[in-house]
Amino acid sequence: MSPLLLRRLSDETLGRRLAAGEAAAFDELYRRYVHRLSAYGAHLLGDTVSGDDVAERVILDVAHVEV
């Protein structure tokens, strides 16, 4: 599916696609939320690098991706 079409899908639909193993769904959810999660983590921890680390870990944990 094209990236433009993925942008029109709801988070719920992307979550179902992610659960079915569709990598493009992960990419779109990552694109949607990484900056917000990073900013929130940086706000809580007082450090942008730590905020980025937390955002990455949260997204990978939610997606059940092993690094």
Protein backbone atom coordinates (compact mmCIF):
# COMPACT_ATOMS: atom_id res chain seq x y z
CA MET A 1 0.00 0.00 0.00
CA SER A 2 1.31 3.45 -0.81
CA PRO A 3 2.46 5.76 2.02
CA LEU A 4 -0.17 8.31 0.98
CA LEU A 5 -2.96 5.78 1.45
CA LEU A 6 -1.53 4.65 4.80
CA ARG A 7 -1.78 8.23 6.07
CA ARG A 8 -5.54 8.08 5.58
CA LEU A 9 -5.98 4.98 7.77
CA SER A 10 -6.98 5.21 11.42
CA ASP A 11 -4.61 4.24 14.19
CA GLU A 12 -6.84 1.25 14.93
CA THR A 13 -6.61 0.00 11.35
CA LEU A 14 -2.86 0.49 11.35
CA GLY A 15 -2.64 -1.39 14.64
CA ARG A 16 -4.48 -4.36 13.15
CA ARG A 17 -2.19 -4.29 10.12
CA LEU A 18 0.84 -4.09 12.39
CA ALA A 19 -0.41 -7.09 14.38
CA ALA A 20 -0.69 -8.95 11.07
CA GLY A 21 2.98 -8.19 10.39
CA GLU A 22 2.73 -5.30 7.91
CA ALA A 23 5.95 -3.30 8.20
CA ALA A 24 4.48 -0.27 6.43
CA ALA A 25 1.90 0.05 9.22
CA PHE A 26 4.73 0.24 11.76
CA ASP A 27 6.44 2.91 9.68
CA GLU A 28 3.30 5.04 9.57
CA LEU A 29 2.56 4.73 13.29
CA TYR A 30 6.19 5.57 14.02
CA ARG A 31 5.97 8.64 11.80
CA ARG A 32 2.80 9.78 13.55
CA TYR A 33 3.99 9.43 17.12
CA VAL A 34 7.78 9.50 17.46
CA HIS A 35 8.06 13.29 17.76
CA ARG A 36 5.26 13.59 20.31
CA LEU A 37 6.65 10.79 22.43
CA SER A 38 10.17 12.22 22.22
CA ALA A 39 8.98 15.65 23.30
CA TYR A 40 6.98 14.20 26.19
CA GLY A 41 9.91 12.05 27.32
CA ALA A 42 12.28 15.02 27.10
CA HIS A 43 9.85 17.11 29.14
CA LEU A 44 9.58 14.47 31.85
CA LEU A 45 13.28 13.62 31.95
CA GLY A 46 14.69 17.08 31.22
CA ASP A 47 16.91 15.78 28.43
CA THR A 48 16.19 15.47 24.70
CA VAL A 49 18.49 12.48 24.16
CA SER A 50 16.77 10.55 26.95
CA GLY A 51 13.40 11.58 25.53
CA ASP A 52 14.39 10.16 22.14
CA ASP A 53 15.56 6.92 23.77
CA VAL A 54 12.32 6.53 25.70
CA ALA A 55 10.21 7.21 22.60
CA GLU A 56 12.07 4.61 20.60
CA ARG A 57 11.80 2.01 23.37
CA VAL A 58 8.07 2.63 23.86
CA ILE A 59 7.33 2.34 20.15
CA LEU A 60 9.35 -0.85 19.81
CA ASP A 61 7.75 -2.34 22.94
CA VAL A 62 4.25 -1.58 21.69
CA ALA A 63 5.08 -3.09 18.31
CA HIS A 64 6.78 -6.10 19.97
CA VAL A 65 9.91 -5.55 17.88
CA GLU A 66 13.22 -7.02 19.03
CA VAL A 67 16.36 -4.91 18.61
